[in-house]
Amino acid sequence: MTVRNILKGTFRLSIVVAVLAAAYGFYEQLSAFAKSREANREMLLTLECGAKLSEATLKSAVNQYGNIDLGKVGCSIRHFFVSFDEIEQTRTG
């Protein structure tokens, strides 16, 4: 085995490692984008659900700070606090 062969092998290995690192980076970015898109979709659907409810139903879910907990009225599986202004903005588009 010559030095030249060792250098060729090392160079090939470095190319393989670089390709794998780039693929992993792309996968991480794609995964983060998918999570962000899903969170935005969930937020929009929850707001639209709350916008369809009556004022009386929404007032029953108001906390001590004046925010509406859409989780209490069945629009979300966890606490999701919004203001009346956000509900109104959702209703008007």
PDB file of N, CA and C in Angstrom:
ATOM      1  N   MET A   1       0.845  -1.164   0.000  1.00  0.00           N
ATOM      2  CA  MET A   1       0.000   0.000   0.000  1.00  0.00           C
ATOM      3  C   MET A   1       0.899   1.239   0.000  1.00  0.00           C
ATOM      4  N   THR A   2       0.593   2.099  -0.937  1.00  0.00           N
ATOM      5  CA  THR A   2       1.425   3.298  -1.072  1.00  0.00           C
ATOM      6  C   THR A   2       0.728   4.494  -0.415  1.00  0.00           C
ATOM      7  N   VAL A   3       1.489   5.534  -0.261  1.00  0.00           N
ATOM      8  CA  VAL A   3       0.960   6.766   0.317  1.00  0.00           C
ATOM      9  C   VAL A   3      -0.127   7.326  -0.590  1.00  0.00           C
ATOM     10  N   ARG A   4       0.077   7.190  -1.881  1.00  0.00           N
ATOM     11  CA  ARG A   4      -0.905   7.693  -2.853  1.00  0.00           C
ATOM     12  C   ARG A   4      -2.251   6.999  -2.666  1.00  0.00           C
ATOM     13  N   ASN A   5      -2.236   5.690  -2.481  1.00  0.00           N
ATOM     14  CA  ASN A   5      -3.482   4.948  -2.271  1.00  0.00           C
ATOM     15  C   ASN A   5      -4.165   5.357  -0.963  1.00  0.00           C
ATOM     16  N   ILE A   6      -3.366   5.600   0.054  1.00  0.00           N
ATOM     17  CA  ILE A   6      -3.930   6.036   1.338  1.00  0.00           C
ATOM     18  C   ILE A   6      -4.588   7.401   1.182  1.00  0.00           C
ATOM     19  N   LEU A   7      -3.942   8.306   0.471  1.00  0.00           N
ATOM     20  CA  LEU A   7      -4.515   9.635   0.253  1.00  0.00           C
ATOM     21  C   LEU A   7      -5.793   9.561  -0.570  1.00  0.00           C
ATOM     22  N   LYS A   8      -5.842   8.703  -1.582  1.00  0.00           N
ATOM     23  CA  LYS A   8      -7.055   8.525  -2.378  1.00  0.00           C
ATOM     24  C   LYS A   8      -8.196   8.021  -1.490  1.00  0.00           C
ATOM     25  N   GLY A   9      -7.905   7.044  -0.667  1.00  0.00           N
ATOM     26  CA  GLY A   9      -8.921   6.499   0.230  1.00  0.00           C
ATOM     27  C   GLY A   9      -9.413   7.524   1.229  1.00  0.00           C
ATOM     28  N   THR A  10      -8.517   8.307   1.768  1.00  0.00           N
ATOM     29  CA  THR A  10      -8.887   9.347   2.727  1.00  0.00           C
ATOM     30  C   THR A  10      -9.744  10.412   2.058  1.00  0.00           C
ATOM     31  N   PHE A  11      -9.379  10.787   0.842  1.00  0.00           N
ATOM     32  CA  PHE A  11     -10.158  11.782   0.107  1.00  0.00           C
ATOM     33  C   PHE A  11     -11.559  11.256  -0.173  1.00  0.00           C
ATOM     34  N   ARG A  12     -11.676  10.018  -0.595  1.00  0.00           N
ATOM     35  CA  ARG A  12     -12.997   9.420  -0.866  1.00  0.00           C
ATOM     36  C   ARG A  12     -13.834   9.352   0.407  1.00  0.00           C
ATOM     37  N   LEU A  13     -13.189   8.988   1.480  1.00  0.00           N
ATOM     38  CA  LEU A  13     -13.896   8.923   2.752  1.00  0.00           C
ATOM     39  C   LEU A  13     -14.402  10.306   3.167  1.00  0.00           C
ATOM     40  N   SER A  14     -13.583  11.339   2.956  1.00  0.00           N
ATOM     41  CA  SER A  14     -14.000  12.691   3.329  1.00  0.00           C
ATOM     42  C   SER A  14     -15.180  13.143   2.471  1.00  0.00           C
ATOM     43  N   ILE A  15     -15.214  12.730   1.214  1.00  0.00           N
ATOM     44  CA  ILE A  15     -16.348  13.081   0.341  1.00  0.00           C
ATOM     45  C   ILE A  15     -17.614  12.388   0.849  1.00  0.00           C
ATOM     46  N   VAL A  16     -17.506  11.133   1.211  1.00  0.00           N
ATOM     47  CA  VAL A  16     -18.661  10.391   1.720  1.00  0.00           C
ATOM     48  C   VAL A  16     -19.177  11.043   3.005  1.00  0.00           C
ATOM     49  N   VAL A  17     -18.266  11.404   3.893  1.00  0.00           N
ATOM     50  CA  VAL A  17     -18.661  12.046   5.146  1.00  0.00           C
ATOM     51  C   VAL A  17     -19.333  13.389   4.868  1.00  0.00           C
ATOM     52  N   ALA A  18     -18.824  14.154   3.927  1.00  0.00           N
ATOM     53  CA  ALA A  18     -19.415  15.450   3.586  1.00  0.00           C
ATOM     54  C   ALA A  18     -20.823  15.271   3.017  1.00  0.00           C
ATOM     55  N   VAL A  19     -21.016  14.283   2.163  1.00  0.00           N
ATOM     56  CA  VAL A  19     -22.334  14.021   1.589  1.00  0.00           C
ATOM     57  C   VAL A  19     -23.314  13.602   2.689  1.00  0.00           C
ATOM     58  N   LEU A  20     -22.871  12.746   3.587  1.00  0.00           N
ATOM     59  CA  LEU A  20     -23.730  12.317   4.692  1.00  0.00           C
ATOM     60  C   LEU A  20     -24.089  13.487   5.605  1.00  0.00           C
ATOM     61  N   ALA A  21     -23.127  14.354   5.879  1.00  0.00           N
ATOM     62  CA  ALA A  21     -23.395  15.524   6.720  1.00  0.00           C
ATOM     63  C   ALA A  21     -24.387  16.467   6.040  1.00  0.00           C
ATOM     64  N   ALA A  22     -24.244  16.664   4.752  1.00  0.00           N
ATOM     65  CA  ALA A  22     -25.177  17.520   4.012  1.00  0.00           C
ATOM     66  C   ALA A  22     -26.578  16.916   4.007  1.00  0.00           C
ATOM     67  N   ALA A  23     -26.674  15.609   3.823  1.00  0.00           N
ATOM     68  CA  ALA A  23     -27.973  14.949   3.834  1.00  0.00           C
ATOM     69  C   ALA A  23     -28.635  15.067   5.206  1.00  0.00           C
ATOM     70  N   TYR A  24     -27.854  14.901   6.257  1.00  0.00           N
ATOM     71  CA  TYR A  24     -28.398  15.031   7.604  1.00  0.00           C
ATOM     72  C   TYR A  24     -28.869  16.461   7.873  1.00  0.00           C
ATOM     73  N   GLY A  25     -28.094  17.446   7.442  1.00  0.00           N
ATOM     74  CA  GLY A  25     -28.488  18.841   7.600  1.00  0.00           C
ATOM     75  C   GLY A  25     -29.778  19.144   6.860  1.00  0.00           C
ATOM     76  N   PHE A  26     -29.910  18.620   5.649  1.00  0.00           N
ATOM     77  CA  PHE A  26     -31.132  18.803   4.874  1.00  0.00           C
ATOM     78  C   PHE A  26     -32.314  18.161   5.584  1.00  0.00           C
ATOM     79  N   TYR A  27     -32.108  16.967   6.122  1.00  0.00           N
ATOM     80  CA  TYR A  27     -33.175  16.279   6.856  1.00  0.00           C
ATOM     81  C   TYR A  27     -33.600  17.083   8.081  1.00  0.00           C
ATOM     82  N   GLU A  28     -32.659  17.639   8.814  1.00  0.00           N
ATOM     83  CA  GLU A  28     -32.975  18.434   9.994  1.00  0.00           C
ATOM     84  C   GLU A  28     -33.779  19.677   9.619  1.00  0.00           C
ATOM     85  N   GLN A  29     -33.390  20.352   8.544  1.00  0.00           N
ATOM     86  CA  GLN A  29     -34.127  21.536   8.108  1.00  0.00           C
ATOM     87  C   GLN A  29     -35.533  21.167   7.650  1.00  0.00           C
ATOM     88  N   LEU A  30     -35.657  20.087   6.930  1.00  0.00           N
ATOM     89  CA  LEU A  30     -36.960  19.637   6.469  1.00  0.00           C
ATOM     90  C   LEU A  30     -37.855  19.272   7.645  1.00  0.00           C
ATOM     91  N   SER A  31     -37.299  18.623   8.642  1.00  0.00           N
ATOM     92  CA  SER A  31     -38.046  18.255   9.833  1.00  0.00           C
ATOM     93  C   SER A  31     -38.509  19.489  10.601  1.00  0.00           C
ATOM     94  N   ALA A  32     -37.651  20.468  10.755  1.00  0.00           N
ATOM     95  CA  ALA A  32     -38.013  21.709  11.452  1.00  0.00           C
ATOM     96  C   ALA A  32     -39.102  22.454  10.686  1.00  0.00           C
ATOM     97  N   PHE A  33     -39.006  22.473   9.362  1.00  0.00           N
ATOM     98  CA  PHE A  33     -40.024  23.121   8.544  1.00  0.00           C
ATOM     99  C   PHE A  33     -41.369  22.422   8.705  1.00  0.00           C
ATOM    100  N   ALA A  34     -41.380  21.101   8.714  1.00  0.00           N
ATOM    101  CA  ALA A  34     -42.620  20.344   8.861  1.00  0.00           C
ATOM    102  C   ALA A  34     -43.258  20.606  10.226  1.00  0.00           C
ATOM    103  N   LYS A  35     -42.449  20.668  11.273  1.00  0.00           N
ATOM    104  CA  LYS A  35     -42.978  20.948  12.609  1.00  0.00           C
ATOM    105  C   LYS A  35     -43.576  22.352  12.673  1.00  0.00           C
ATOM    106  N   SER A  36     -42.898  23.309  12.078  1.00  0.00           N
ATOM    107  CA  SER A  36     -43.385  24.681  12.065  1.00  0.00           C
ATOM    108  C   SER A  36     -44.691  24.781  11.287  1.00  0.00           C
ATOM    109  N   ARG A  37     -44.756  24.130  10.148  1.00  0.00           N
ATOM    110  CA  ARG A  37     -45.968  24.148   9.325  1.00  0.00           C
ATOM    111  C   ARG A  37     -47.135  23.524  10.080  1.00  0.00           C
ATOM    112  N   GLU A  38     -46.897  22.428  10.780  1.00  0.00           N
ATOM    113  CA  GLU A  38     -47.951  21.758  11.539  1.00  0.00           C
ATOM    114  C   GLU A  38     -48.428  22.630  12.697  1.00  0.00           C
ATOM    115  N   ALA A  39     -47.504  23.314  13.365  1.00  0.00           N
ATOM    116  CA  ALA A  39     -47.890  24.206  14.466  1.00  0.00           C
ATOM    117  C   ALA A  39     -48.732  25.369  13.951  1.00  0.00           C
ATOM    118  N   ASN A  40     -48.367  25.930  12.814  1.00  0.00           N
ATOM    119  CA  ASN A  40     -49.145  27.019  12.221  1.00  0.00           C
ATOM    120  C   ASN A  40     -50.534  26.542  11.805  1.00  0.00           C
ATOM    121  N   ARG A  41     -50.592  25.339  11.242  1.00  0.00           N
ATOM    122  CA  ARG A  41     -51.874  24.771  10.834  1.00  0.00           C
ATOM    123  C   ARG A  41     -52.778  24.552  12.044  1.00  0.00           C
ATOM    124  N   GLU A  42     -52.204  24.016  13.117  1.00  0.00           N
ATOM    125  CA  GLU A  42     -52.971  23.777  14.338  1.00  0.00           C
ATOM    126  C   GLU A  42     -53.484  25.096  14.920  1.00  0.00           C
ATOM    127  N   MET A  43     -52.646  26.122  14.917  1.00  0.00           N
ATOM    128  CA  MET A  43     -53.052  27.421  15.430  1.00  0.00           C
ATOM    129  C   MET A  43     -54.203  27.999  14.611  1.00  0.00           C
ATOM    130  N   LEU A  44     -54.101  27.912  13.305  1.00  0.00           N
ATOM    131  CA  LEU A  44     -55.137  28.450  12.433  1.00  0.00           C
ATOM    132  C   LEU A  44     -56.457  27.711  12.625  1.00  0.00           C
ATOM    133  N   LEU A  45     -56.406  26.389  12.692  1.00  0.00           N
ATOM    134  CA  LEU A  45     -57.629  25.611  12.889  1.00  0.00           C
ATOM    135  C   LEU A  45     -58.264  25.908  14.240  1.00  0.00           C
ATOM    136  N   THR A  46     -57.453  26.092  15.261  1.00  0.00           N
ATOM    137  CA  THR A  46     -57.973  26.402  16.594  1.00  0.00           C
ATOM    138  C   THR A  46     -58.622  27.782  16.604  1.00  0.00           C
ATOM    139  N   LEU A  47     -57.984  28.757  15.985  1.00  0.00           N
ATOM    140  CA  LEU A  47     -58.565  30.097  15.912  1.00  0.00           C
ATOM    141  C   LEU A  47     -59.867  30.095  15.116  1.00  0.00           C
ATOM    142  N   GLU A  48     -59.906  29.367  14.017  1.00  0.00           N
ATOM    143  CA  GLU A  48     -61.123  29.294  13.217  1.00  0.00           C
ATOM    144  C   GLU A  48     -62.251  28.612  13.982  1.00  0.00           C
ATOM    145  N   CYS A  49     -61.920  27.605  14.776  1.00  0.00           N
ATOM    146  CA  CYS A  49     -62.913  26.946  15.620  1.00  0.00           C
ATOM    147  C   CYS A  49     -63.479  27.934  16.628  1.00  0.00           C
ATOM    148  N   GLY A  50     -62.614  28.692  17.275  1.00  0.00           N
ATOM    149  CA  GLY A  50     -63.062  29.681  18.253  1.00  0.00           C
ATOM    150  C   GLY A  50     -63.876  30.796  17.626  1.00  0.00           C
ATOM    151  N   ALA A  51     -63.561  31.167  16.398  1.00  0.00           N
ATOM    152  CA  ALA A  51     -64.284  32.240  15.721  1.00  0.00           C
ATOM    153  C   ALA A  51     -65.710  31.829  15.389  1.00  0.00           C
ATOM    154  N   LYS A  52     -65.964  30.545  15.276  1.00  0.00           N
ATOM    155  CA  LYS A  52     -67.313  30.059  14.954  1.00  0.00           C
ATOM    156  C   LYS A  52     -68.228  30.026  16.172  1.00  0.00           C
ATOM    157  N   LEU A  53     -67.659  30.123  17.368  1.00  0.00           N
ATOM    158  CA  LEU A  53     -68.450  30.019  18.585  1.00  0.00           C
ATOM    159  C   LEU A  53     -69.120  31.343  18.925  1.00  0.00           C
ATOM    160  N   SER A  54     -70.196  31.255  19.693  1.00  0.00           N
ATOM    161  CA  SER A  54     -70.927  32.464  20.091  1.00  0.00           C
ATOM    162  C   SER A  54     -70.166  33.205  21.182  1.00  0.00           C
ATOM    163  N   GLU A  55     -70.533  34.476  21.352  1.00  0.00           N
ATOM    164  CA  GLU A  55     -69.896  35.303  22.381  1.00  0.00           C
ATOM    165  C   GLU A  55     -70.144  34.728  23.774  1.00  0.00           C
ATOM    166  N   ALA A  56     -71.334  34.202  24.014  1.00  0.00           N
ATOM    167  CA  ALA A  56     -71.660  33.641  25.331  1.00  0.00           C
ATOM    168  C   ALA A  56     -70.777  32.440  25.642  1.00  0.00           C
ATOM    169  N   THR A  57     -70.550  31.598  24.649  1.00  0.00           N
ATOM    170  CA  THR A  57     -69.691  30.435  24.843  1.00  0.00           C
ATOM    171  C   THR A  57     -68.262  30.869  25.115  1.00  0.00           C
ATOM    172  N   LEU A  58     -67.804  31.862  24.373  1.00  0.00           N
ATOM    173  CA  LEU A  58     -66.440  32.351  24.569  1.00  0.00           C
ATOM    174  C   LEU A  58     -66.268  33.015  25.935  1.00  0.00           C
ATOM    175  N   LYS A  59     -67.276  33.763  26.374  1.00  0.00           N
ATOM    176  CA  LYS A  59     -67.173  34.440  27.677  1.00  0.00           C
ATOM    177  C   LYS A  59     -67.109  33.445  28.824  1.00  0.00           C
ATOM    178  N   SER A  60     -67.655  32.246  28.617  1.00  0.00           N
ATOM    179  CA  SER A  60     -67.598  31.237  29.681  1.00  0.00           C
ATOM    180  C   SER A  60     -66.188  30.681  29.864  1.00  0.00           C
ATOM    181  N   ALA A  61     -65.313  30.914  28.903  1.00  0.00           N
ATOM    182  CA  ALA A  61     -63.953  30.385  28.968  1.00  0.00           C
ATOM    183  C   ALA A  61     -62.901  31.456  29.232  1.00  0.00           C
ATOM    184  N   VAL A  62     -63.329  32.635  29.671  1.00  0.00           N
ATOM    185  CA  VAL A  62     -62.398  33.731  29.927  1.00  0.00           C
ATOM    186  C   VAL A  62     -61.694  33.501  31.271  1.00  0.00           C
ATOM    187  N   ASN A  63     -60.380  33.710  31.284  1.00  0.00           N
ATOM    188  CA  ASN A  63     -59.619  33.560  32.532  1.00  0.00           C
ATOM    189  C   ASN A  63     -59.512  34.908  33.246  1.00  0.00           C
ATOM    190  N   GLN A  64     -58.771  34.934  34.342  1.00  0.00           N
ATOM    191  CA  GLN A  64     -58.666  36.146  35.157  1.00  0.00           C
ATOM    192  C   GLN A  64     -57.925  37.279  34.451  1.00  0.00           C
ATOM    193  N   TYR A  65     -57.226  36.992  33.387  1.00  0.00           N
ATOM    194  CA  TYR A  65     -56.484  38.021  32.654  1.00  0.00           C
ATOM    195  C   TYR A  65     -57.259  38.559  31.448  1.00  0.00           C
ATOM    196  N   GLY A  66     -58.460  38.060  31.244  1.00  0.00           N
ATOM    197  CA  GLY A  66     -59.283  38.512  30.134  1.00  0.00           C
ATOM    198  C   GLY A  66     -59.044  37.775  28.834  1.00  0.00           C
ATOM    199  N   ASN A  67     -58.277  36.697  28.873  1.00  0.00           N
ATOM    200  CA  ASN A  67     -58.027  35.896  27.668  1.00  0.00           C
ATOM    201  C   ASN A  67     -58.964  34.696  27.626  1.00  0.00           C
ATOM    202  N   ILE A  68     -59.269  34.252  26.440  1.00  0.00           N
ATOM    203  CA  ILE A  68     -60.151  33.109  26.242  1.00  0.00           C
ATOM    204  C   ILE A  68     -59.293  31.853  26.135  1.00  0.00           C
ATOM    205  N   ASP A  69     -59.670  30.824  26.873  1.00  0.00           N
ATOM    206  CA  ASP A  69     -58.993  29.524  26.779  1.00  0.00           C
ATOM    207  C   ASP A  69     -59.813  28.647  25.839  1.00  0.00           C
ATOM    208  N   LEU A  70     -59.349  28.529  24.597  1.00  0.00           N
ATOM    209  CA  LEU A  70     -60.089  27.734  23.622  1.00  0.00           C
ATOM    210  C   LEU A  70     -60.046  26.243  23.922  1.00  0.00           C
ATOM    211  N   GLY A  71     -59.175  25.837  24.809  1.00  0.00           N
ATOM    212  CA  GLY A  71     -59.162  24.444  25.254  1.00  0.00           C
ATOM    213  C   GLY A  71     -60.384  24.108  26.091  1.00  0.00           C
ATOM    214  N   LYS A  72     -60.918  25.085  26.803  1.00  0.00           N
ATOM    215  CA  LYS A  72     -62.094  24.870  27.648  1.00  0.00           C
ATOM    216  C   LYS A  72     -63.376  24.715  26.845  1.00  0.00           C
ATOM    217  N   VAL A  73     -63.396  25.232  25.625  1.00  0.00           N
ATOM    218  CA  VAL A  73     -64.610  25.162  24.807  1.00  0.00           C
ATOM    219  C   VAL A  73     -64.511  24.097  23.716  1.00  0.00           C
ATOM    220  N   GLY A  74     -63.475  23.277  23.778  1.00  0.00           N
ATOM    221  CA  GLY A  74     -63.358  22.148  22.868  1.00  0.00           C
ATOM    222  C   GLY A  74     -62.650  22.407  21.554  1.00  0.00           C
ATOM    223  N   CYS A  75     -61.993  23.529  21.424  1.00  0.00           N
ATOM    224  CA  CYS A  75     -61.284  23.822  20.172  1.00  0.00           C
ATOM    225  C   CYS A  75     -59.836  23.332  20.184  1.00  0.00           C
ATOM    226  N   SER A  76     -59.339  22.947  21.340  1.00  0.00           N
ATOM    227  CA  SER A  76     -57.963  22.500  21.456  1.00  0.00           C
ATOM    228  C   SER A  76     -57.883  21.448  22.557  1.00  0.00           C
ATOM    229  N   ILE A  77     -56.890  20.571  22.447  1.00  0.00           N
ATOM    230  CA  ILE A  77     -56.732  19.533  23.469  1.00  0.00           C
ATOM    231  C   ILE A  77     -55.919  20.027  24.657  1.00  0.00           C
ATOM    232  N   ARG A  78     -55.372  21.229  24.563  1.00  0.00           N
ATOM    233  CA  ARG A  78     -54.616  21.817  25.680  1.00  0.00           C
ATOM    234  C   ARG A  78     -54.991  23.299  25.768  1.00  0.00           C
ATOM    235  N   HIS A  79     -54.435  23.991  26.740  1.00  0.00           N
ATOM    236  CA  HIS A  79     -54.722  25.422  26.892  1.00  0.00           C
ATOM    237  C   HIS A  79     -54.255  26.163  25.644  1.00  0.00           C
ATOM    238  N   PHE A  80     -55.113  27.008  25.139  1.00  0.00           N
ATOM    239  CA  PHE A  80     -54.784  27.836  23.974  1.00  0.00           C
ATOM    240  C   PHE A  80     -55.453  29.182  24.219  1.00  0.00           C
ATOM    241  N   PHE A  81     -54.661  30.152  24.675  1.00  0.00           N
ATOM    242  CA  PHE A  81     -55.204  31.443  25.076  1.00  0.00           C
ATOM    243  C   PHE A  81     -55.171  32.432  23.918  1.00  0.00           C
ATOM    244  N   VAL A  82     -56.309  33.095  23.712  1.00  0.00           N
ATOM    245  CA  VAL A  82     -56.428  34.145  22.699  1.00  0.00           C
ATOM    246  C   VAL A  82     -57.220  35.297  23.292  1.00  0.00           C
ATOM    247  N   SER A  83     -57.110  36.435  22.645  1.00  0.00           N
ATOM    248  CA  SER A  83     -57.896  37.591  23.085  1.00  0.00           C
ATOM    249  C   SER A  83     -59.136  37.721  22.200  1.00  0.00           C
ATOM    250  N   PHE A  84     -60.074  38.558  22.647  1.00  0.00           N
ATOM    251  CA  PHE A  84     -61.264  38.804  21.837  1.00  0.00           C
ATOM    252  C   PHE A  84     -60.884  39.479  20.523  1.00  0.00           C
ATOM    253  N   ASP A  85     -59.820  40.300  20.538  1.00  0.00           N
ATOM    254  CA  ASP A  85     -59.359  40.952  19.304  1.00  0.00           C
ATOM    255  C   ASP A  85     -58.884  39.913  18.281  1.00  0.00           C
ATOM    256  N   GLU A  86     -58.169  38.904  18.750  1.00  0.00           N
ATOM    257  CA  GLU A  86     -57.691  37.863  17.832  1.00  0.00           C
ATOM    258  C   GLU A  86     -58.856  37.071  17.241  1.00  0.00           C
ATOM    259  N   ILE A  87     -59.868  36.818  18.052  1.00  0.00           N
ATOM    260  CA  ILE A  87     -61.061  36.129  17.548  1.00  0.00           C
ATOM    261  C   ILE A  87     -61.750  36.996  16.500  1.00  0.00           C
ATOM    262  N   GLU A  88     -61.859  38.290  16.777  1.00  0.00           N
ATOM    263  CA  GLU A  88     -62.498  39.196  15.825  1.00  0.00           C
ATOM    264  C   GLU A  88     -61.699  39.289  14.524  1.00  0.00           C
ATOM    265  N   GLN A  89     -60.375  39.337  14.634  1.00  0.00           N
ATOM    266  CA  GLN A  89     -59.530  39.361  13.423  1.00  0.00           C
ATOM    267  C   GLN A  89     -59.710  38.090  12.611  1.00  0.00           C
ATOM    268  N   THR A  90     -59.858  36.976  13.274  1.00  0.00           N
ATOM    269  CA  THR A  90     -60.059  35.699  12.578  1.00  0.00           C
ATOM    270  C   THR A  90     -61.421  35.717  11.877  1.00  0.00           C
ATOM    271  N   ARG A  91     -62.414  36.260  12.536  1.00  0.00           N
ATOM    272  CA  ARG A  91     -63.757  36.313  11.930  1.00  0.00           C
ATOM    273  C   ARG A  91     -63.785  37.201  10.686  1.00  0.00           C
ATOM    274  N   THR A  92     -63.025  38.286  10.700  1.00  0.00           N
ATOM    275  CA  THR A  92     -63.035  39.208   9.568  1.00  0.00           C
ATOM    276  C   THR A  92     -62.040  38.800   8.476  1.00  0.00           C
ATOM    277  N   GLY A  93     -61.241  37.829   8.771  1.00  0.00           N
ATOM    278  CA  GLY A  93     -60.311  37.346   7.760  1.00  0.00           C
ATOM    279  C   GLY A  93     -58.966  37.942   7.905  1.00  0.00           C
TER     280      GLY A  93
END
